[in-house]
Amino acid sequence: MTKQDLLILLEEVDDDTEIRLMMQPSWPFEYSIAGVILASEITDEDDRPRGLVHDDDEEEEIGGYQPKELAPGQDCLFLVEGSQIGYGTKAAFDDYRRR
């Protein structure tokens, strides 16, 4: 999903609607969202090392975490999980898939 895709979906929702994460379809839980962070802003390199992007004859260092399945240097916005609010419902996943 891109930022534009998300903005289009959010246009249909009232401004005062709370946003949460529903995770784990087989055993659903609801989570609050603590915040957001761009992959390029993540400085902890323990998970994945920084790398080099090869563009013709030049090499350019990419900063931050490099998300899986994205082009080198392509940025990604993460919704950071807050706290578990409670159990979710499998119906959320079933209804989404039927759309």
C-alpha atoms as a PDB file:
ATOM      1  CA  MET A   1       0.000   0.000   0.000  1.00  0.00           C
ATOM      2  CA  THR A   2       1.270   3.471  -0.808  1.00  0.00           C
ATOM      3  CA  LYS A   3       0.652   6.723   1.028  1.00  0.00           C
ATOM      4  CA  GLN A   4      -1.749   7.764  -1.721  1.00  0.00           C
ATOM      5  CA  ASP A   5      -3.690   4.476  -1.406  1.00  0.00           C
ATOM      6  CA  LEU A   6      -4.042   5.024   2.337  1.00  0.00           C
ATOM      7  CA  LEU A   7      -5.096   8.663   1.913  1.00  0.00           C
ATOM      8  CA  ILE A   8      -7.842   7.623  -0.502  1.00  0.00           C
ATOM      9  CA  LEU A   9      -9.144   5.061   2.007  1.00  0.00           C
ATOM     10  CA  LEU A  10      -8.954   7.570   4.863  1.00  0.00           C
ATOM     11  CA  GLU A  11     -10.963  10.179   2.927  1.00  0.00           C
ATOM     12  CA  GLU A  12     -14.038   7.988   3.511  1.00  0.00           C
ATOM     13  CA  VAL A  13     -13.571   8.051   7.313  1.00  0.00           C
ATOM     14  CA  ASP A  14     -14.612  10.806   9.741  1.00  0.00           C
ATOM     15  CA  ASP A  15     -11.732  12.923  11.050  1.00  0.00           C
ATOM     16  CA  ASP A  16     -12.345  11.946  14.679  1.00  0.00           C
ATOM     17  CA  THR A  17     -12.280   8.183  13.983  1.00  0.00           C
ATOM     18  CA  GLU A  18      -9.627   6.361  16.022  1.00  0.00           C
ATOM     19  CA  ILE A  19      -7.138   4.295  14.019  1.00  0.00           C
ATOM     20  CA  ARG A  20      -5.948   0.913  15.314  1.00  0.00           C
ATOM     21  CA  LEU A  21      -4.211  -2.182  13.956  1.00  0.00           C
ATOM     22  CA  MET A  22      -5.998  -5.531  13.683  1.00  0.00           C
ATOM     23  CA  MET A  23      -3.361  -8.253  13.508  1.00  0.00           C
ATOM     24  CA  GLN A  24      -3.081 -12.057  13.313  1.00  0.00           C
ATOM     25  CA  PRO A  25      -6.120 -13.326  11.367  1.00  0.00           C
ATOM     26  CA  SER A  26      -6.133 -16.736  13.092  1.00  0.00           C
ATOM     27  CA  TRP A  27      -6.049 -15.203  16.602  1.00  0.00           C
ATOM     28  CA  PRO A  28      -6.923 -11.505  16.146  1.00  0.00           C
ATOM     29  CA  PHE A  29      -5.835  -8.737  18.473  1.00  0.00           C
ATOM     30  CA  GLU A  30      -6.431  -4.985  18.400  1.00  0.00           C
ATOM     31  CA  TYR A  31      -3.469  -2.671  18.922  1.00  0.00           C
ATOM     32  CA  SER A  32      -3.124   1.063  19.300  1.00  0.00           C
ATOM     33  CA  ILE A  33      -0.691   2.884  17.028  1.00  0.00           C
ATOM     34  CA  ALA A  34       2.170   4.518  18.918  1.00  0.00           C
ATOM     35  CA  GLY A  35       3.351   6.528  15.925  1.00  0.00           C
ATOM     36  CA  VAL A  36       5.031   6.315  12.554  1.00  0.00           C
ATOM     37  CA  ILE A  37       8.632   6.198  11.364  1.00  0.00           C
ATOM     38  CA  LEU A  38      10.279   6.104   7.955  1.00  0.00           C
ATOM     39  CA  ALA A  39      12.736   3.293   7.264  1.00  0.00           C
ATOM     40  CA  SER A  40      15.327   5.928   6.329  1.00  0.00           C
ATOM     41  CA  GLU A  41      15.040   7.398   9.844  1.00  0.00           C
ATOM     42  CA  ILE A  42      15.810   4.128  11.639  1.00  0.00           C
ATOM     43  CA  THR A  43      19.400   4.215  12.850  1.00  0.00           C
ATOM     44  CA  ASP A  44      19.672   0.846  14.614  1.00  0.00           C
ATOM     45  CA  GLU A  45      21.523  -1.360  12.160  1.00  0.00           C
ATOM     46  CA  ASP A  46      21.361  -4.598  14.157  1.00  0.00           C
ATOM     47  CA  ASP A  47      18.476  -5.998  12.090  1.00  0.00           C
ATOM     48  CA  ARG A  48      19.740  -5.221   8.582  1.00  0.00           C
ATOM     49  CA  PRO A  49      23.005  -3.542   7.606  1.00  0.00           C
ATOM     50  CA  ARG A  50      23.252  -0.387   5.573  1.00  0.00           C
ATOM     51  CA  GLY A  51      24.114  -1.012   1.985  1.00  0.00           C
ATOM     52  CA  LEU A  52      25.087   0.574  -1.275  1.00  0.00           C
ATOM     53  CA  VAL A  53      22.878   1.484  -4.199  1.00  0.00           C
ATOM     54  CA  HIS A  54      24.679   0.988  -7.495  1.00  0.00           C
ATOM     55  CA  ASP A  55      23.692   3.632 -10.050  1.00  0.00           C
ATOM     56  CA  ASP A  56      25.786   3.345 -13.203  1.00  0.00           C
ATOM     57  CA  ASP A  57      29.386   3.803 -12.049  1.00  0.00           C
ATOM     58  CA  GLU A  58      28.578   5.545  -8.768  1.00  0.00           C
ATOM     59  CA  GLU A  59      27.783   4.013  -5.417  1.00  0.00           C
ATOM     60  CA  GLU A  60      25.487   5.816  -3.019  1.00  0.00           C
ATOM     61  CA  GLU A  61      25.096   4.806   0.614  1.00  0.00           C
ATOM     62  CA  ILE A  62      21.531   4.254   1.757  1.00  0.00           C
ATOM     63  CA  GLY A  63      20.678   5.103   5.328  1.00  0.00           C
ATOM     64  CA  GLY A  64      18.527   3.391   7.859  1.00  0.00           C
ATOM     65  CA  TYR A  65      16.758   0.056   7.726  1.00  0.00           C
ATOM     66  CA  GLN A  66      16.220  -1.478   4.286  1.00  0.00           C
ATOM     67  CA  PRO A  67      12.761  -3.140   4.269  1.00  0.00           C
ATOM     68  CA  LYS A  68      12.423  -6.555   2.674  1.00  0.00           C
ATOM     69  CA  GLU A  69      10.931  -6.765  -0.829  1.00  0.00           C
ATOM     70  CA  LEU A  70      11.565  -3.083  -1.661  1.00  0.00           C
ATOM     71  CA  ALA A  71      14.037  -1.678  -4.125  1.00  0.00           C
ATOM     72  CA  PRO A  72      17.323  -0.578  -2.533  1.00  0.00           C
ATOM     73  CA  GLY A  73      16.889   2.941  -1.211  1.00  0.00           C
ATOM     74  CA  GLN A  74      13.075   2.893  -1.572  1.00  0.00           C
ATOM     75  CA  ASP A  75      11.612   4.337   1.602  1.00  0.00           C
ATOM     76  CA  CYS A  76       8.827   2.779   3.653  1.00  0.00           C
ATOM     77  CA  LEU A  77       6.575   4.249   6.356  1.00  0.00           C
ATOM     78  CA  PHE A  78       5.997   1.961   9.336  1.00  0.00           C
ATOM     79  CA  LEU A  79       3.001   2.209  11.649  1.00  0.00           C
ATOM     80  CA  VAL A  80       4.580   1.464  15.021  1.00  0.00           C
ATOM     81  CA  GLU A  81       2.517  -0.791  17.296  1.00  0.00           C
ATOM     82  CA  GLY A  82       1.447   0.757  20.564  1.00  0.00           C
ATOM     83  CA  SER A  83      -0.237  -1.393  23.182  1.00  0.00           C
ATOM     84  CA  GLN A  84      -2.571  -4.346  22.879  1.00  0.00           C
ATOM     85  CA  ILE A  85      -6.108  -3.140  23.505  1.00  0.00           C
ATOM     86  CA  GLY A  86      -7.876  -6.477  23.437  1.00  0.00           C
ATOM     87  CA  TYR A  87      -9.011  -9.355  21.285  1.00  0.00           C
ATOM     88  CA  GLY A  88     -10.051  -8.575  17.747  1.00  0.00           C
ATOM     89  CA  THR A  89     -12.420 -10.441  15.448  1.00  0.00           C
ATOM     90  CA  LYS A  90     -11.825 -12.789  12.520  1.00  0.00           C
ATOM     91  CA  ALA A  91     -14.783 -11.116  10.811  1.00  0.00           C
ATOM     92  CA  ALA A  92     -12.602  -8.053  10.127  1.00  0.00           C
ATOM     93  CA  PHE A  93     -10.299 -10.141   7.937  1.00  0.00           C
ATOM     94  CA  ASP A  94     -13.159 -12.069   6.301  1.00  0.00           C
ATOM     95  CA  ASP A  95     -15.113  -8.902   5.492  1.00  0.00           C
ATOM     96  CA  TYR A  96     -12.009  -7.163   4.106  1.00  0.00           C
ATOM     97  CA  ARG A  97     -11.287 -10.106   1.785  1.00  0.00           C
ATOM     98  CA  ARG A  98     -14.859 -10.021   0.450  1.00  0.00           C
ATOM     99  CA  ARG A  99     -14.514  -6.415  -0.738  1.00  0.00           C
END
